[in-house]
PDB file of all heavy atoms in Angstrom:
ATOM      1  N   ILE A   1     113.739  48.775 129.710  1.00  0.00           N
ATOM      2  CA  ILE A   1     112.890  48.236 128.714  1.00  0.00           C
ATOM      3  C   ILE A   1     112.995  48.827 127.315  1.00  0.00           C
ATOM      4  O   ILE A   1     113.078  48.045 126.401  1.00  0.00           O
ATOM      5  CB  ILE A   1     111.373  48.418 129.170  1.00  0.00           C
ATOM      6  CG1 ILE A   1     111.123  47.669 130.458  1.00  0.00           C
ATOM      7  CG2 ILE A   1     110.418  47.968 128.018  1.00  0.00           C
ATOM      8  CD1 ILE A   1     109.820  48.105 131.120  1.00  0.00           C
ATOM      9  N   GLU A   2     113.332  50.005 127.242  1.00  0.00           N
ATOM     10  CA  GLU A   2     113.563  50.775 126.089  1.00  0.00           C
ATOM     11  C   GLU A   2     114.787  50.195 125.285  1.00  0.00           C
ATOM     12  O   GLU A   2     114.949  50.013 124.093  1.00  0.00           O
ATOM     13  CB  GLU A   2     113.700  52.223 126.228  1.00  0.00           C
ATOM     14  CG  GLU A   2     112.312  52.839 126.523  1.00  0.00           C
ATOM     15  CD  GLU A   2     112.336  54.304 126.842  1.00  0.00           C
ATOM     16  OE1 GLU A   2     113.388  54.880 127.091  1.00  0.00           O
ATOM     17  OE2 GLU A   2     111.378  54.897 126.912  1.00  0.00           O
ATOM     18  N   ARG A   3     115.969  49.948 126.227  1.00  0.00           N
ATOM     19  CA  ARG A   3     117.174  49.398 125.540  1.00  0.00           C
ATOM     20  C   ARG A   3     116.832  48.031 124.931  1.00  0.00           C
ATOM     21  O   ARG A   3     117.333  47.753 123.823  1.00  0.00           O
ATOM     22  CB  ARG A   3     118.165  49.411 126.647  1.00  0.00           C
ATOM     23  CG  ARG A   3     119.473  48.699 126.247  1.00  0.00           C
ATOM     24  CD  ARG A   3     120.479  48.667 127.082  1.00  0.00           C
ATOM     25  NE  ARG A   3     121.642  47.957 126.705  1.00  0.00           N
ATOM     26  CZ  ARG A   3     122.831  47.763 127.329  1.00  0.00           C
ATOM     27  NH1 ARG A   3     123.049  48.393 128.476  1.00  0.00           N
ATOM     28  NH2 ARG A   3     123.762  47.054 126.845  1.00  0.00           N
ATOM     29  N   VAL A   4     116.178  47.161 125.665  1.00  0.00           N
ATOM     30  CA  VAL A   4     115.883  45.809 125.099  1.00  0.00           C
ATOM     31  C   VAL A   4     114.907  45.903 123.991  1.00  0.00           C
ATOM     32  O   VAL A   4     115.288  45.229 122.908  1.00  0.00           O
ATOM     33  CB  VAL A   4     115.158  44.997 126.237  1.00  0.00           C
ATOM     34  CG1 VAL A   4     114.833  43.654 125.635  1.00  0.00           C
ATOM     35  CG2 VAL A   4     116.023  44.846 127.497  1.00  0.00           C
ATOM     36  N   GLU A   5     114.003  46.802 123.922  1.00  0.00           N
ATOM     37  CA  GLU A   5     113.123  46.917 122.809  1.00  0.00           C
ATOM     38  C   GLU A   5     113.767  47.401 121.516  1.00  0.00           C
ATOM     39  O   GLU A   5     113.579  46.867 120.336  1.00  0.00           O
ATOM     40  CB  GLU A   5     111.974  47.903 123.078  1.00  0.00           C
ATOM     41  CG  GLU A   5     111.045  48.158 121.917  1.00  0.00           C
ATOM     42  CD  GLU A   5     110.166  49.309 121.995  1.00  0.00           C
ATOM     43  OE1 GLU A   5     109.893  49.842 123.186  1.00  0.00           O
ATOM     44  OE2 GLU A   5     109.439  49.752 121.011  1.00  0.00           O
ATOM     45  N   ALA A   6     114.777  48.185 121.688  1.00  0.00           N
ATOM     46  CA  ALA A   6     115.606  48.785 120.535  1.00  0.00           C
ATOM     47  C   ALA A   6     116.405  47.691 119.805  1.00  0.00           C
ATOM     48  O   ALA A   6     116.631  47.807 118.772  1.00  0.00           O
ATOM     49  CB  ALA A   6     116.559  49.860 121.069  1.00  0.00           C
ATOM     50  N   GLU A   7     116.830  46.709 120.674  1.00  0.00           N
ATOM     51  CA  GLU A   7     117.603  45.464 119.969  1.00  0.00           C
ATOM     52  C   GLU A   7     116.640  44.409 119.617  1.00  0.00           C
ATOM     53  O   GLU A   7     116.973  43.770 118.587  1.00  0.00           O
ATOM     54  CB  GLU A   7     118.578  44.994 121.022  1.00  0.00           C
ATOM     55  CG  GLU A   7     119.683  45.996 121.451  1.00  0.00           C
ATOM     56  CD  GLU A   7     120.697  45.395 122.336  1.00  0.00           C
ATOM     57  OE1 GLU A   7     121.169  44.259 122.000  1.00  0.00           O
ATOM     58  OE2 GLU A   7     121.069  45.862 123.412  1.00  0.00           O
ATOM     59  N   ASP A   8     115.410  44.232 120.288  1.00  0.00           N
ATOM     60  CA  ASP A   8     114.675  42.995 119.983  1.00  0.00           C
ATOM     61  C   ASP A   8     113.285  43.417 120.453  1.00  0.00           C
ATOM     62  O   ASP A   8     113.013  43.266 121.743  1.00  0.00           O
ATOM     63  CB  ASP A   8     115.259  41.785 120.740  1.00  0.00           C
ATOM     64  CG  ASP A   8     114.489  40.539 120.251  1.00  0.00           C
ATOM     65  OD1 ASP A   8     113.259  40.548 120.202  1.00  0.00           O
ATOM     66  OD2 ASP A   8     115.087  39.403 120.097  1.00  0.00           O
ATOM     67  N   PRO A   9     112.335  43.801 119.532  1.00  0.00           N
ATOM     68  CA  PRO A   9     111.014  44.313 120.041  1.00  0.00           C
ATOM     69  C   PRO A   9     110.218  43.142 120.835  1.00  0.00           C
ATOM     70  O   PRO A   9     109.574  43.458 121.741  1.00  0.00           O
ATOM     71  CB  PRO A   9     110.286  44.644 118.777  1.00  0.00           C
ATOM     72  CG  PRO A   9     111.413  44.945 117.862  1.00  0.00           C
ATOM     73  CD  PRO A   9     112.597  44.133 118.181  1.00  0.00           C
ATOM     74  N   TYR A  10     110.361  41.990 120.346  1.00  0.00           N
ATOM     75  CA  TYR A  10     109.668  40.799 121.167  1.00  0.00           C
ATOM     76  C   TYR A  10     110.131  40.723 122.595  1.00  0.00           C
ATOM     77  O   TYR A  10     109.471  40.638 123.530  1.00  0.00           O
ATOM     78  CB  TYR A  10     109.848  39.496 120.375  1.00  0.00           C
ATOM     79  CG  TYR A  10     109.127  38.390 120.955  1.00  0.00           C
ATOM     80  CD1 TYR A  10     107.831  38.077 120.273  1.00  0.00           C
ATOM     81  CD2 TYR A  10     109.411  37.536 121.920  1.00  0.00           C
ATOM     82  CE1 TYR A  10     107.012  37.024 120.820  1.00  0.00           C
ATOM     83  CE2 TYR A  10     108.698  36.551 122.383  1.00  0.00           C
ATOM     84  CZ  TYR A  10     107.374  36.280 121.844  1.00  0.00           C
ATOM     85  OH  TYR A  10     106.583  35.161 122.197  1.00  0.00           O
ATOM     86  N   ALA A  11     111.526  40.799 122.687  1.00  0.00           N
ATOM     87  CA  ALA A  11     112.043  40.687 124.102  1.00  0.00           C
ATOM     88  C   ALA A  11     111.606  41.906 124.929  1.00  0.00           C
ATOM     89  O   ALA A  11     111.399  41.846 126.036  1.00  0.00           O
ATOM     90  CB  ALA A  11     113.597  40.672 124.026  1.00  0.00           C
ATOM     91  N   GLY A  12     111.699  42.998 124.154  1.00  0.00           N
ATOM     92  CA  GLY A  12     111.184  44.365 124.960  1.00  0.00           C
ATOM     93  C   GLY A  12     109.881  44.144 125.447  1.00  0.00           C
ATOM     94  O   GLY A  12     109.435  44.745 126.493  1.00  0.00           O
ATOM     95  N   CYS A  13     108.981  43.559 124.494  1.00  0.00           N
ATOM     96  CA  CYS A  13     107.550  43.314 125.001  1.00  0.00           C
ATOM     97  C   CYS A  13     107.518  42.428 126.271  1.00  0.00           C
ATOM     98  O   CYS A  13     106.730  42.638 127.259  1.00  0.00           O
ATOM     99  CB  CYS A  13     106.650  42.830 123.911  1.00  0.00           C
ATOM    100  SG  CYS A  13     104.937  42.692 124.133  1.00  0.00           S
ATOM    101  N   LEU A  14     108.295  41.385 126.263  1.00  0.00           N
ATOM    102  CA  LEU A  14     108.203  40.544 127.431  1.00  0.00           C
ATOM    103  C   LEU A  14     108.831  41.209 128.663  1.00  0.00           C
ATOM    104  O   LEU A  14     108.100  41.075 129.751  1.00  0.00           O
ATOM    105  CB  LEU A  14     109.219  39.346 127.182  1.00  0.00           C
ATOM    106  CG  LEU A  14     108.799  38.209 126.256  1.00  0.00           C
ATOM    107  CD1 LEU A  14     109.797  37.197 125.959  1.00  0.00           C
ATOM    108  CD2 LEU A  14     107.454  37.490 126.853  1.00  0.00           C
ATOM    109  N   CYS A  15     109.831  42.015 128.631  1.00  0.00           N
ATOM    110  CA  CYS A  15     110.320  42.767 129.731  1.00  0.00           C
ATOM    111  C   CYS A  15     109.278  43.759 130.097  1.00  0.00           C
ATOM    112  O   CYS A  15     109.141  43.941 131.482  1.00  0.00           O
ATOM    113  CB  CYS A  15     111.610  43.332 129.358  1.00  0.00           C
ATOM    114  SG  CYS A  15     112.978  42.274 129.023  1.00  0.00           S
ATOM    115  N   SER A  16     108.686  44.413 129.243  1.00  0.00           N
ATOM    116  CA  SER A  16     107.554  45.338 129.755  1.00  0.00           C
ATOM    117  C   SER A  16     106.411  44.625 130.501  1.00  0.00           C
ATOM    118  O   SER A  16     106.007  45.057 131.465  1.00  0.00           O
ATOM    119  CB  SER A  16     106.986  46.014 128.380  1.00  0.00           C
ATOM    120  OG  SER A  16     105.942  46.753 128.714  1.00  0.00           O
ATOM    121  N   MET A  17     106.027  43.417 130.072  1.00  0.00           N
ATOM    122  CA  MET A  17     105.026  42.618 130.611  1.00  0.00           C
ATOM    123  C   MET A  17     105.485  42.240 132.113  1.00  0.00           C
ATOM    124  O   MET A  17     104.669  42.258 133.036  1.00  0.00           O
ATOM    125  CB  MET A  17     104.693  41.455 129.786  1.00  0.00           C
ATOM    126  CG  MET A  17     103.997  41.753 128.486  1.00  0.00           C
ATOM    127  SD  MET A  17     103.918  40.241 127.333  1.00  0.00           S
ATOM    128  CE  MET A  17     102.796  39.252 128.241  1.00  0.00           C
ATOM    129  N   HIS A  18     106.831  41.847 132.157  1.00  0.00           N
ATOM    130  CA  HIS A  18     107.281  41.530 133.420  1.00  0.00           C
ATOM    131  C   HIS A  18     107.189  42.559 134.391  1.00  0.00           C
ATOM    132  O   HIS A  18     106.612  42.452 135.634  1.00  0.00           O
ATOM    133  CB  HIS A  18     108.801  41.051 133.196  1.00  0.00           C
ATOM    134  CG  HIS A  18     109.456  40.582 134.487  1.00  0.00           C
ATOM    135  ND1 HIS A  18     108.944  39.531 135.213  1.00  0.00           N
ATOM    136  CD2 HIS A  18     110.542  40.976 134.967  1.00  0.00           C
ATOM    137  CE1 HIS A  18     109.836  39.427 136.154  1.00  0.00           C
ATOM    138  NE2 HIS A  18     110.714  40.286 136.131  1.00  0.00           N
ATOM    139  N   TYR A  19     107.687  43.878 133.994  1.00  0.00           N
ATOM    140  CA  TYR A  19     107.713  44.924 135.023  1.00  0.00           C
ATOM    141  C   TYR A  19     106.322  45.401 135.197  1.00  0.00           C
ATOM    142  O   TYR A  19     106.006  45.814 136.294  1.00  0.00           O
ATOM    143  CB  TYR A  19     108.578  45.969 134.539  1.00  0.00           C
ATOM    144  CG  TYR A  19     110.015  45.645 134.655  1.00  0.00           C
ATOM    145  CD1 TYR A  19     110.844  45.211 133.799  1.00  0.00           C
ATOM    146  CD2 TYR A  19     110.560  45.781 136.036  1.00  0.00           C
ATOM    147  CE1 TYR A  19     112.231  45.055 134.111  1.00  0.00           C
ATOM    148  CE2 TYR A  19     111.905  45.590 136.407  1.00  0.00           C
ATOM    149  CZ  TYR A  19     112.692  45.165 135.459  1.00  0.00           C
ATOM    150  OH  TYR A  19     114.058  44.812 135.803  1.00  0.00           O
ATOM    151  N   ALA A  20     105.496  45.464 134.359  1.00  0.00           N
ATOM    152  CA  ALA A  20     104.110  45.965 134.393  1.00  0.00           C
ATOM    153  C   ALA A  20     103.392  45.120 135.527  1.00  0.00           C
ATOM    154  O   ALA A  20     102.616  45.680 136.250  1.00  0.00           O
ATOM    155  CB  ALA A  20     103.281  46.021 133.109  1.00  0.00           C
ATOM    156  N   SER A  21     103.649  43.833 135.475  1.00  0.00           N
ATOM    157  CA  SER A  21     103.017  42.857 136.531  1.00  0.00           C
ATOM    158  C   SER A  21     103.216  43.244 137.844  1.00  0.00           C
ATOM    159  O   SER A  21     102.622  42.793 138.824  1.00  0.00           O
ATOM    160  CB  SER A  21     103.435  41.498 136.145  1.00  0.00           C
ATOM    161  OG  SER A  21     104.715  41.240 136.500  1.00  0.00           O
ATOM    162  N   PHE A  22     104.417  43.918 138.091  1.00  0.00           N
ATOM    163  CA  PHE A  22     104.748  44.308 139.555  1.00  0.00           C
ATOM    164  C   PHE A  22     103.714  45.307 140.188  1.00  0.00           C
ATOM    165  O   PHE A  22     103.609  45.454 141.316  1.00  0.00           O
ATOM    166  CB  PHE A  22     106.119  44.946 139.627  1.00  0.00           C
ATOM    167  CG  PHE A  22     107.310  44.079 139.153  1.00  0.00           C
ATOM    168  CD1 PHE A  22     108.476  44.706 139.069  1.00  0.00           C
ATOM    169  CD2 PHE A  22     107.214  42.685 138.895  1.00  0.00           C
ATOM    170  CE1 PHE A  22     109.617  43.979 138.546  1.00  0.00           C
ATOM    171  CE2 PHE A  22     108.275  41.970 138.559  1.00  0.00           C
ATOM    172  CZ  PHE A  22     109.554  42.658 138.392  1.00  0.00           C
ATOM    173  N   PHE A  23     103.009  46.041 139.295  1.00  0.00           N
ATOM    174  CA  PHE A  23     102.277  47.146 139.816  1.00  0.00           C
ATOM    175  C   PHE A  23     100.794  47.064 139.559  1.00  0.00           C
ATOM    176  O   PHE A  23      99.966  48.068 139.551  1.00  0.00           O
ATOM    177  CB  PHE A  23     102.711  48.469 139.172  1.00  0.00           C
ATOM    178  CG  PHE A  23     104.252  48.738 139.357  1.00  0.00           C
ATOM    179  CD1 PHE A  23     105.070  48.500 138.401  1.00  0.00           C
ATOM    180  CD2 PHE A  23     104.677  48.960 140.783  1.00  0.00           C
ATOM    181  CE1 PHE A  23     106.503  48.739 138.701  1.00  0.00           C
ATOM    182  CE2 PHE A  23     105.948  49.287 141.013  1.00  0.00           C
ATOM    183  CZ  PHE A  23     106.943  49.134 139.927  1.00  0.00           C
ATOM    184  N   GLU A  24     100.326  45.841 139.489  1.00  0.00           N
ATOM    185  CA  GLU A  24      98.835  45.524 139.396  1.00  0.00           C
ATOM    186  C   GLU A  24      98.228  45.724 140.677  1.00  0.00           C
ATOM    187  O   GLU A  24      98.669  45.310 141.833  1.00  0.00           O
ATOM    188  CB  GLU A  24      98.615  44.061 138.936  1.00  0.00           C
ATOM    189  CG  GLU A  24      99.122  43.674 137.638  1.00  0.00           C
ATOM    190  CD  GLU A  24      98.765  42.244 137.291  1.00  0.00           C
ATOM    191  OE1 GLU A  24      98.174  41.505 138.204  1.00  0.00           O
ATOM    192  OE2 GLU A  24      99.302  41.716 136.199  1.00  0.00           O
ATOM    193  N   GLY A  25      97.256  46.614 140.679  1.00  0.00           N
ATOM    194  CA  GLY A  25      96.448  46.979 141.901  1.00  0.00           C
ATOM    195  C   GLY A  25      97.159  47.915 142.833  1.00  0.00           C
ATOM    196  O   GLY A  25      96.726  48.123 144.070  1.00  0.00           O
ATOM    197  N   VAL A  26      98.236  48.671 142.327  1.00  0.00           N
ATOM    198  CA  VAL A  26      98.856  49.639 143.292  1.00  0.00           C
ATOM    199  C   VAL A  26      98.081  50.955 143.162  1.00  0.00           C
ATOM    200  O   VAL A  26      97.352  51.160 142.384  1.00  0.00           O
ATOM    201  CB  VAL A  26     100.404  49.874 142.765  1.00  0.00           C
ATOM    202  CG1 VAL A  26     101.114  48.489 142.884  1.00  0.00           C
ATOM    203  CG2 VAL A  26     100.347  50.381 141.358  1.00  0.00           C
ATOM    204  N   SER A  27      98.542  51.709 144.288  1.00  0.00           N
ATOM    205  CA  SER A  27      97.800  53.082 144.494  1.00  0.00           C
ATOM    206  C   SER A  27      98.567  54.126 144.203  1.00  0.00           C
ATOM    207  O   SER A  27      98.212  55.321 143.994  1.00  0.00           O
ATOM    208  CB  SER A  27      97.146  53.122 145.820  1.00  0.00           C
ATOM    209  OG  SER A  27      98.159  52.973 146.875  1.00  0.00           O
ATOM    210  N   ASP A  28      99.976  54.038 144.113  1.00  0.00           N
ATOM    211  CA  ASP A  28     100.951  55.089 143.905  1.00  0.00           C
ATOM    212  C   ASP A  28     100.720  55.572 142.523  1.00  0.00           C
ATOM    213  O   ASP A  28     100.845  54.724 141.500  1.00  0.00           O
ATOM    214  CB  ASP A  28     102.328  54.587 144.018  1.00  0.00           C
ATOM    215  CG  ASP A  28     103.476  55.678 143.947  1.00  0.00           C
ATOM    216  OD1 ASP A  28     103.788  55.935 142.738  1.00  0.00           O
ATOM    217  OD2 ASP A  28     103.701  56.307 144.897  1.00  0.00           O
TER     218      ASP A  28
END
């Protein structure tokens, strides 16, 4: 995510949203 953000902040935000969605409601 950091690599993508460094090149394109909008794309970095999308990738961050994508990965954060994997962990909704997790307990780890």
